[in-house]
PDB file of N, CA and C in Angstrom:
ATOM      1  N   MET A   1     181.622   9.714 -31.319  1.00  0.00           N
ATOM      2  CA  MET A   1     181.390  11.105 -30.999  1.00  0.00           C
ATOM      3  C   MET A   1     181.603  11.987 -32.221  1.00  0.00           C
ATOM      4  N   ALA A   2     182.634  11.699 -33.027  1.00  0.00           N
ATOM      5  CA  ALA A   2     182.906  12.535 -34.192  1.00  0.00           C
ATOM      6  C   ALA A   2     181.797  12.400 -35.226  1.00  0.00           C
ATOM      7  N   GLY A   3     181.093  11.290 -35.250  1.00  0.00           N
ATOM      8  CA  GLY A   3     180.013  11.105 -36.197  1.00  0.00           C
ATOM      9  C   GLY A   3     178.754  11.857 -35.829  1.00  0.00           C
ATOM     10  N   ASP A   4     178.709  12.404 -34.632  1.00  0.00           N
ATOM     11  CA  ASP A   4     177.524  13.121 -34.166  1.00  0.00           C
ATOM     12  C   ASP A   4     177.485  14.572 -34.619  1.00  0.00           C
ATOM     13  N   LEU A   5     178.531  15.051 -35.288  1.00  0.00           N
ATOM     14  CA  LEU A   5     178.592  16.454 -35.682  1.00  0.00           C
ATOM     15  C   LEU A   5     177.691  16.737 -36.878  1.00  0.00           C
ATOM     16  N   LEU A   6     177.096  17.920 -36.888  1.00  0.00           N
ATOM     17  CA  LEU A   6     176.283  18.393 -38.007  1.00  0.00           C
ATOM     18  C   LEU A   6     177.162  19.245 -38.905  1.00  0.00           C
ATOM     19  N   GLU A   7     177.026  19.093 -40.223  1.00  0.00           N
ATOM     20  CA  GLU A   7     177.849  19.863 -41.151  1.00  0.00           C
ATOM     21  C   GLU A   7     176.985  20.853 -41.920  1.00  0.00           C
ATOM     22  N   PHE A   8     177.494  22.089 -42.034  1.00  0.00           N
ATOM     23  CA  PHE A   8     176.820  23.158 -42.752  1.00  0.00           C
ATOM     24  C   PHE A   8     177.821  23.890 -43.623  1.00  0.00           C
ATOM     25  N   GLU A   9     177.314  24.688 -44.565  1.00  0.00           N
ATOM     26  CA  GLU A   9     178.150  25.574 -45.371  1.00  0.00           C
ATOM     27  C   GLU A   9     177.693  26.997 -45.134  1.00  0.00           C
ATOM     28  N   GLY A  10     178.644  27.923 -45.249  1.00  0.00           N
ATOM     29  CA  GLY A  10     178.302  29.314 -45.038  1.00  0.00           C
ATOM     30  C   GLY A  10     179.393  30.240 -45.535  1.00  0.00           C
ATOM     31  N   ILE A  11     179.218  31.525 -45.240  1.00  0.00           N
ATOM     32  CA  ILE A  11     180.148  32.564 -45.658  1.00  0.00           C
ATOM     33  C   ILE A  11     180.666  33.276 -44.410  1.00  0.00           C
ATOM     34  N   VAL A  12     181.962  33.534 -44.379  1.00  0.00           N
ATOM     35  CA  VAL A  12     182.577  34.241 -43.260  1.00  0.00           C
ATOM     36  C   VAL A  12     182.184  35.715 -43.346  1.00  0.00           C
ATOM     37  N   LEU A  13     181.518  36.206 -42.316  1.00  0.00           N
ATOM     38  CA  LEU A  13     181.099  37.609 -42.268  1.00  0.00           C
ATOM     39  C   LEU A  13     182.160  38.500 -41.657  1.00  0.00           C
ATOM     40  N   ARG A  14     182.754  38.024 -40.554  1.00  0.00           N
ATOM     41  CA  ARG A  14     183.676  38.881 -39.815  1.00  0.00           C
ATOM     42  C   ARG A  14     184.730  38.020 -39.127  1.00  0.00           C
ATOM     43  N   ALA A  15     185.973  38.473 -39.195  1.00  0.00           N
ATOM     44  CA  ALA A  15     187.067  37.832 -38.473  1.00  0.00           C
ATOM     45  C   ALA A  15     187.246  38.578 -37.164  1.00  0.00           C
ATOM     46  N   GLN A  16     186.883  37.946 -36.068  1.00  0.00           N
ATOM     47  CA  GLN A  16     187.020  38.572 -34.763  1.00  0.00           C
ATOM     48  C   GLN A  16     188.396  38.233 -34.198  1.00  0.00           C
ATOM     49  N   GLY A  17     188.726  38.749 -33.063  1.00  0.00           N
ATOM     50  CA  GLY A  17     190.032  38.502 -32.469  1.00  0.00           C
ATOM     51  C   GLY A  17     190.207  37.077 -31.991  1.00  0.00           C
ATOM     52  N   ASN A  18     191.475  36.667 -31.850  1.00  0.00           N
ATOM     53  CA  ASN A  18     191.839  35.384 -31.262  1.00  0.00           C
ATOM     54  C   ASN A  18     191.383  34.183 -32.089  1.00  0.00           C
ATOM     55  N   GLY A  19     191.326  34.322 -33.400  1.00  0.00           N
ATOM     56  CA  GLY A  19     191.010  33.184 -34.265  1.00  0.00           C
ATOM     57  C   GLY A  19     189.549  32.781 -34.272  1.00  0.00           C
ATOM     58  N   ILE A  20     188.664  33.678 -33.923  1.00  0.00           N
ATOM     59  CA  ILE A  20     187.231  33.406 -33.927  1.00  0.00           C
ATOM     60  C   ILE A  20     186.618  34.101 -35.144  1.00  0.00           C
ATOM     61  N   PHE A  21     185.721  33.405 -35.838  1.00  0.00           N
ATOM     62  CA  PHE A  21     185.084  33.932 -37.042  1.00  0.00           C
ATOM     63  C   PHE A  21     183.577  33.854 -36.886  1.00  0.00           C
ATOM     64  N   LEU A  22     182.881  34.842 -37.447  1.00  0.00           N
ATOM     65  CA  LEU A  22     181.425  34.849 -37.474  1.00  0.00           C
ATOM     66  C   LEU A  22     180.997  34.364 -38.853  1.00  0.00           C
ATOM     67  N   VAL A  23     180.258  33.244 -38.900  1.00  0.00           N
ATOM     68  CA  VAL A  23     179.873  32.606 -40.154  1.00  0.00           C
ATOM     69  C   VAL A  23     178.357  32.639 -40.290  1.00  0.00           C
ATOM     70  N   LYS A  24     177.874  33.083 -41.459  1.00  0.00           N
ATOM     71  CA  LYS A  24     176.444  33.079 -41.757  1.00  0.00           C
ATOM     72  C   LYS A  24     176.144  31.830 -42.575  1.00  0.00           C
ATOM     73  N   LEU A  25     175.225  31.016 -42.081  1.00  0.00           N
ATOM     74  CA  LEU A  25     174.889  29.750 -42.737  1.00  0.00           C
ATOM     75  C   LEU A  25     174.013  29.973 -43.964  1.00  0.00           C
ATOM     76  N   ASP A  26     174.215  29.102 -44.976  1.00  0.00           N
ATOM     77  CA  ASP A  26     173.373  29.149 -46.170  1.00  0.00           C
ATOM     78  C   ASP A  26     171.954  28.692 -45.855  1.00  0.00           C
ATOM     79  N   SER A  27     171.844  27.681 -45.010  1.00  0.00           N
ATOM     80  CA  SER A  27     170.523  27.150 -44.664  1.00  0.00           C
ATOM     81  C   SER A  27     170.001  27.864 -43.423  1.00  0.00           C
ATOM     82  N   GLY A  28     169.022  28.707 -43.588  1.00  0.00           N
ATOM     83  CA  GLY A  28     168.411  29.387 -42.459  1.00  0.00           C
ATOM     84  C   GLY A  28     168.970  30.757 -42.156  1.00  0.00           C
ATOM     85  N   GLY A  29     170.189  31.047 -42.567  1.00  0.00           N
ATOM     86  CA  GLY A  29     170.761  32.364 -42.354  1.00  0.00           C
ATOM     87  C   GLY A  29     171.195  32.663 -40.933  1.00  0.00           C
ATOM     88  N   ALA A  30     171.341  31.639 -40.096  1.00  0.00           N
ATOM     89  CA  ALA A  30     171.794  31.863 -38.722  1.00  0.00           C
ATOM     90  C   ALA A  30     173.270  32.232 -38.720  1.00  0.00           C
ATOM     91  N   GLU A  31     173.695  32.985 -37.710  1.00  0.00           N
ATOM     92  CA  GLU A  31     175.086  33.372 -37.565  1.00  0.00           C
ATOM     93  C   GLU A  31     175.694  32.590 -36.410  1.00  0.00           C
ATOM     94  N   ILE A  32     176.837  31.939 -36.682  1.00  0.00           N
ATOM     95  CA  ILE A  32     177.477  31.060 -35.707  1.00  0.00           C
ATOM     96  C   ILE A  32     178.916  31.516 -35.493  1.00  0.00           C
ATOM     97  N   SER A  33     179.357  31.506 -34.246  1.00  0.00           N
ATOM     98  CA  SER A  33     180.736  31.815 -33.898  1.00  0.00           C
ATOM     99  C   SER A  33     181.566  30.547 -34.050  1.00  0.00           C
ATOM    100  N   CYS A  34     182.656  30.616 -34.838  1.00  0.00           N
ATOM    101  CA  CYS A  34     183.450  29.417 -35.145  1.00  0.00           C
ATOM    102  C   CYS A  34     184.932  29.678 -34.926  1.00  0.00           C
ATOM    103  N   HIS A  35     185.656  28.599 -34.608  1.00  0.00           N
ATOM    104  CA  HIS A  35     187.111  28.666 -34.561  1.00  0.00           C
ATOM    105  C   HIS A  35     187.678  27.682 -35.575  1.00  0.00           C
ATOM    106  N   LEU A  36     188.980  27.736 -35.813  1.00  0.00           N
ATOM    107  CA  LEU A  36     189.613  26.925 -36.844  1.00  0.00           C
ATOM    108  C   LEU A  36     189.945  25.529 -36.331  1.00  0.00           C
ATOM    109  N   SER A  37     189.872  24.553 -37.234  1.00  0.00           N
ATOM    110  CA  SER A  37     190.261  23.193 -36.878  1.00  0.00           C
ATOM    111  C   SER A  37     191.781  23.083 -36.876  1.00  0.00           C
ATOM    112  N   GLY A  38     192.282  22.018 -36.317  1.00  0.00           N
ATOM    113  CA  GLY A  38     193.724  21.810 -36.222  1.00  0.00           C
ATOM    114  C   GLY A  38     194.394  21.661 -37.570  1.00  0.00           C
ATOM    115  N   LYS A  39     193.749  21.016 -38.527  1.00  0.00           N
ATOM    116  CA  LYS A  39     194.340  20.827 -39.853  1.00  0.00           C
ATOM    117  C   LYS A  39     194.518  22.158 -40.575  1.00  0.00           C
ATOM    118  N   ILE A  40     193.550  23.068 -40.414  1.00  0.00           N
ATOM    119  CA  ILE A  40     193.653  24.372 -41.065  1.00  0.00           C
ATOM    120  C   ILE A  40     194.788  25.175 -40.433  1.00  0.00           C
ATOM    121  N   LYS A  41     194.929  25.110 -39.113  1.00  0.00           N
ATOM    122  CA  LYS A  41     196.036  25.802 -38.442  1.00  0.00           C
ATOM    123  C   LYS A  41     197.376  25.199 -38.850  1.00  0.00           C
ATOM    124  N   LYS A  42     197.451  23.875 -38.900  1.00  0.00           N
ATOM    125  CA  LYS A  42     198.703  23.183 -39.220  1.00  0.00           C
ATOM    126  C   LYS A  42     199.184  23.514 -40.628  1.00  0.00           C
ATOM    127  N   ASN A  43     198.291  23.603 -41.592  1.00  0.00           N
ATOM    128  CA  ASN A  43     198.647  23.874 -42.974  1.00  0.00           C
ATOM    129  C   ASN A  43     198.654  25.364 -43.315  1.00  0.00           C
ATOM    130  N   SER A  44     198.482  26.218 -42.330  1.00  0.00           N
ATOM    131  CA  SER A  44     198.531  27.681 -42.482  1.00  0.00           C
ATOM    132  C   SER A  44     197.587  28.189 -43.576  1.00  0.00           C
ATOM    133  N   ILE A  45     196.362  27.694 -43.576  1.00  0.00           N
ATOM    134  CA  ILE A  45     195.359  28.134 -44.541  1.00  0.00           C
ATOM    135  C   ILE A  45     194.723  29.414 -44.019  1.00  0.00           C
ATOM    136  N   ARG A  46     194.737  30.442 -44.835  1.00  0.00           N
ATOM    137  CA  ARG A  46     194.196  31.735 -44.438  1.00  0.00           C
ATOM    138  C   ARG A  46     192.691  31.770 -44.693  1.00  0.00           C
ATOM    139  N   ILE A  47     191.952  32.256 -43.731  1.00  0.00           N
ATOM    140  CA  ILE A  47     190.506  32.442 -43.857  1.00  0.00           C
ATOM    141  C   ILE A  47     190.249  33.945 -43.803  1.00  0.00           C
ATOM    142  N   LEU A  48     189.595  34.461 -44.841  1.00  0.00           N
ATOM    143  CA  LEU A  48     189.295  35.884 -44.920  1.00  0.00           C
ATOM    144  C   LEU A  48     187.791  36.103 -44.980  1.00  0.00           C
ATOM    145  N   GLU A  49     187.375  37.328 -44.765  1.00  0.00           N
ATOM    146  CA  GLU A  49     185.958  37.675 -44.866  1.00  0.00           C
ATOM    147  C   GLU A  49     185.488  37.455 -46.293  1.00  0.00           C
ATOM    148  N   GLY A  50     184.334  36.830 -46.455  1.00  0.00           N
ATOM    149  CA  GLY A  50     183.782  36.541 -47.769  1.00  0.00           C
ATOM    150  C   GLY A  50     184.091  35.135 -48.264  1.00  0.00           C
ATOM    151  N   ASP A  51     184.953  34.391 -47.586  1.00  0.00           N
ATOM    152  CA  ASP A  51     185.275  33.021 -47.991  1.00  0.00           C
ATOM    153  C   ASP A  51     184.117  32.080 -47.674  1.00  0.00           C
ATOM    154  N   ARG A  52     183.902  31.098 -48.572  1.00  0.00           N
ATOM    155  CA  ARG A  52     182.918  30.049 -48.313  1.00  0.00           C
ATOM    156  C   ARG A  52     183.606  28.945 -47.534  1.00  0.00           C
ATOM    157  N   VAL A  53     182.977  28.487 -46.466  1.00  0.00           N
ATOM    158  CA  VAL A  53     183.580  27.483 -45.593  1.00  0.00           C
ATOM    159  C   VAL A  53     182.565  26.405 -45.247  1.00  0.00           C
ATOM    160  N   LYS A  54     183.084  25.236 -44.878  1.00  0.00           N
ATOM    161  CA  LYS A  54     182.272  24.172 -44.304  1.00  0.00           C
ATOM    162  C   LYS A  54     182.558  24.151 -42.814  1.00  0.00           C
ATOM    163  N   ILE A  55     181.500  24.029 -42.018  1.00  0.00           N
ATOM    164  CA  ILE A  55     181.679  24.014 -40.573  1.00  0.00           C
ATOM    165  C   ILE A  55     180.999  22.786 -39.975  1.00  0.00           C
ATOM    166  N   SER A  56     181.511  22.361 -38.841  1.00  0.00           N
ATOM    167  CA  SER A  56     180.921  21.270 -38.073  1.00  0.00           C
ATOM    168  C   SER A  56     180.400  21.843 -36.765  1.00  0.00           C
ATOM    169  N   VAL A  57     179.182  21.441 -36.406  1.00  0.00           N
ATOM    170  CA  VAL A  57     178.532  21.956 -35.207  1.00  0.00           C
ATOM    171  C   VAL A  57     178.062  20.781 -34.361  1.00  0.00           C
ATOM    172  N   SER A  58     178.288  20.868 -33.068  1.00  0.00           N
ATOM    173  CA  SER A  58     177.805  19.847 -32.147  1.00  0.00           C
ATOM    174  C   SER A  58     176.289  20.004 -31.972  1.00  0.00           C
ATOM    175  N   PRO A  59     175.556  18.903 -31.912  1.00  0.00           N
ATOM    176  CA  PRO A  59     174.107  19.019 -31.702  1.00  0.00           C
ATOM    177  C   PRO A  59     173.742  19.517 -30.301  1.00  0.00           C
ATOM    178  N   TYR A  60     174.705  19.534 -29.396  1.00  0.00           N
ATOM    179  CA  TYR A  60     174.436  19.974 -28.031  1.00  0.00           C
ATOM    180  C   TYR A  60     174.527  21.489 -27.885  1.00  0.00           C
ATOM    181  N   ASP A  61     175.360  22.146 -28.703  1.00  0.00           N
ATOM    182  CA  ASP A  61     175.501  23.599 -28.651  1.00  0.00           C
ATOM    183  C   ASP A  61     175.553  24.124 -30.078  1.00  0.00           C
ATOM    184  N   LEU A  62     174.428  24.615 -30.573  1.00  0.00           N
ATOM    185  CA  LEU A  62     174.314  25.043 -31.959  1.00  0.00           C
ATOM    186  C   LEU A  62     174.809  26.462 -32.195  1.00  0.00           C
ATOM    187  N   SER A  63     175.351  27.112 -31.172  1.00  0.00           N
ATOM    188  CA  SER A  63     175.827  28.483 -31.340  1.00  0.00           C
ATOM    189  C   SER A  63     177.327  28.558 -31.612  1.00  0.00           C
ATOM    190  N   LYS A  64     178.038  27.439 -31.518  1.00  0.00           N
ATOM    191  CA  LYS A  64     179.482  27.413 -31.742  1.00  0.00           C
ATOM    192  C   LYS A  64     179.827  26.304 -32.714  1.00  0.00           C
ATOM    193  N   GLY A  65     180.859  26.546 -33.531  1.00  0.00           N
ATOM    194  CA  GLY A  65     181.251  25.552 -34.513  1.00  0.00           C
ATOM    195  C   GLY A  65     182.746  25.560 -34.776  1.00  0.00           C
ATOM    196  N   ILE A  66     183.163  24.640 -35.663  1.00  0.00           N
ATOM    197  CA  ILE A  66     184.558  24.511 -36.052  1.00  0.00           C
ATOM    198  C   ILE A  66     184.635  24.607 -37.568  1.00  0.00           C
ATOM    199  N   ILE A  67     185.473  25.480 -38.091  1.00  0.00           N
ATOM    200  CA  ILE A  67     185.676  25.580 -39.538  1.00  0.00           C
ATOM    201  C   ILE A  67     186.598  24.444 -39.936  1.00  0.00           C
ATOM    202  N   THR A  68     186.105  23.547 -40.819  1.00  0.00           N
ATOM    203  CA  THR A  68     186.857  22.370 -41.200  1.00  0.00           C
ATOM    204  C   THR A  68     187.395  22.419 -42.613  1.00  0.00           C
ATOM    205  N   PHE A  69     186.868  23.308 -43.466  1.00  0.00           N
ATOM    206  CA  PHE A  69     187.265  23.324 -44.879  1.00  0.00           C
ATOM    207  C   PHE A  69     186.943  24.683 -45.481  1.00  0.00           C
ATOM    208  N   ARG A  70     187.874  25.190 -46.297  1.00  0.00           N
ATOM    209  CA  ARG A  70     187.627  26.430 -47.052  1.00  0.00           C
ATOM    210  C   ARG A  70     187.445  26.026 -48.498  1.00  0.00           C
ATOM    211  N   THR A  71     186.268  26.303 -49.060  1.00  0.00           N
ATOM    212  CA  THR A  71     185.969  25.910 -50.437  1.00  0.00           C
ATOM    213  C   THR A  71     186.545  26.899 -51.428  1.00  0.00           C
ATOM    214  N   LYS A  72     186.784  26.451 -52.629  1.00  0.00           N
ATOM    215  CA  LYS A  72     187.317  27.323 -53.667  1.00  0.00           C
ATOM    216  C   LYS A  72     186.184  28.115 -54.289  1.00  0.00           C
ATOM    217  N   GLY A  73     186.493  29.341 -54.650  1.00  0.00           N
ATOM    218  CA  GLY A  73     185.515  30.172 -55.356  1.00  0.00           C
ATOM    219  C   GLY A  73     184.710  31.066 -54.525  1.00  0.00           C
TER     220      GLY A  73
END
């Protein structure tokens, strides 16, 4: 099941309430609502507007994703 996820890169546009972020994808420019993965919460990694992130999206629901990595730069 974990191998079925699609991975994309994008930029955080807006930090909404309750740990939800709006991410604009580099490929296609779609905007996806994402929440943080457990590793990011556990290590207290801060995600701010303008950060580049990697997200994983289920092929069954392409409107929601999980932020799995914050890239440098």
